[in-house]
Amino acid sequence: MSGLIKRSFSLAGHRTSVALEAEFWDTLAGIAAREGQTLSALVAATDAARAAERPLASALRVLALLDVKKTP
């Protein structure tokens, strides 16, 4: 596995950074492309939908994991 890659986003009017492994970013980019949205839009939607106690990085990893698990 590769090291962490940090990306910055504007979410709910403020800048935030998320650090994930390249494999997660690749999977999330694939999800976004398949859904016809940008990676930023996918991250913003995930941020808006997550429980307050779940960190954004964790929510994104779970999203990627669930997507991989549903692939036959």
Protein backbone atom coordinates (compact mmCIF):
# COMPACT_ATOMS: atom_id res chain seq x y z
CA MET A 1 0.00 0.00 0.00
CA SER A 2 1.10 3.51 -0.64
CA GLY A 3 1.45 6.39 1.79
CA LEU A 4 -1.22 8.94 2.53
CA ILE A 5 -2.17 11.56 -0.04
CA LYS A 6 -3.73 14.74 1.31
CA ARG A 7 -6.37 16.59 -0.74
CA SER A 8 -8.16 19.80 0.16
CA PHE A 9 -11.84 20.55 -0.39
CA SER A 10 -14.31 23.35 0.33
CA LEU A 11 -17.11 21.84 2.38
CA ALA A 12 -20.01 23.79 3.85
CA GLY A 13 -18.17 27.04 3.27
CA HIS A 14 -14.82 26.09 4.81
CA ARG A 15 -11.64 24.41 3.61
CA THR A 16 -10.73 21.00 4.94
CA SER A 17 -8.09 18.44 4.10
CA VAL A 18 -8.47 14.68 3.94
CA ALA A 19 -5.57 12.23 3.90
CA LEU A 20 -6.21 8.80 2.37
CA GLU A 21 -4.14 6.14 0.67
CA ALA A 22 -3.92 6.37 -3.13
CA GLU A 23 -5.99 3.20 -3.50
CA PHE A 24 -8.92 4.84 -1.71
CA TRP A 25 -8.65 8.00 -3.81
CA ASP A 26 -8.64 5.85 -6.97
CA THR A 27 -11.75 3.98 -5.84
CA LEU A 28 -13.54 7.20 -4.88
CA ALA A 29 -12.65 8.78 -8.24
CA GLY A 30 -14.15 5.73 -9.95
CA ILE A 31 -17.36 6.05 -7.92
CA ALA A 32 -17.61 9.75 -8.77
CA ALA A 33 -17.03 9.11 -12.49
CA ARG A 34 -19.61 6.32 -12.54
CA GLU A 35 -22.14 8.62 -10.86
CA GLY A 36 -21.33 11.47 -13.24
CA GLN A 37 -19.98 13.82 -10.60
CA THR A 38 -16.66 15.28 -9.58
CA LEU A 39 -14.60 13.90 -6.74
CA SER A 40 -15.27 17.16 -4.87
CA ALA A 41 -19.02 16.66 -5.24
CA LEU A 42 -18.76 13.07 -3.98
CA VAL A 43 -16.73 14.18 -0.96
CA ALA A 44 -19.21 16.99 -0.24
CA ALA A 45 -22.18 14.59 -0.44
CA THR A 46 -20.42 12.12 1.83
CA ASP A 47 -19.63 14.89 4.29
CA ALA A 48 -23.24 16.05 4.35
CA ALA A 49 -24.58 12.51 4.87
CA ARG A 50 -22.16 11.24 7.53
CA ALA A 51 -22.92 11.05 11.22
CA ALA A 52 -21.33 13.88 13.20
CA GLU A 53 -19.21 11.45 15.23
CA ARG A 54 -17.71 9.79 12.12
CA PRO A 55 -14.59 11.49 10.74
CA LEU A 56 -14.77 12.38 7.05
CA ALA A 57 -11.76 10.20 6.18
CA SER A 58 -13.48 7.24 7.83
CA ALA A 59 -16.74 7.90 5.98
CA LEU A 60 -14.85 8.01 2.66
CA ARG A 61 -13.01 4.77 3.40
CA VAL A 62 -16.30 3.05 4.26
CA LEU A 63 -17.88 4.36 1.04
CA ALA A 64 -14.98 2.94 -0.98
CA LEU A 65 -15.10 -0.38 0.90
CA LEU A 66 -18.85 -0.79 0.37
CA ASP A 67 -18.41 -0.06 -3.33
CA VAL A 68 -15.69 -2.68 -3.68
CA LYS A 69 -17.73 -5.23 -1.72
CA LYS A 70 -20.73 -4.89 -4.05
CA THR A 71 -18.58 -5.52 -7.14
CA PRO A 72 -18.84 -9.20 -8.14
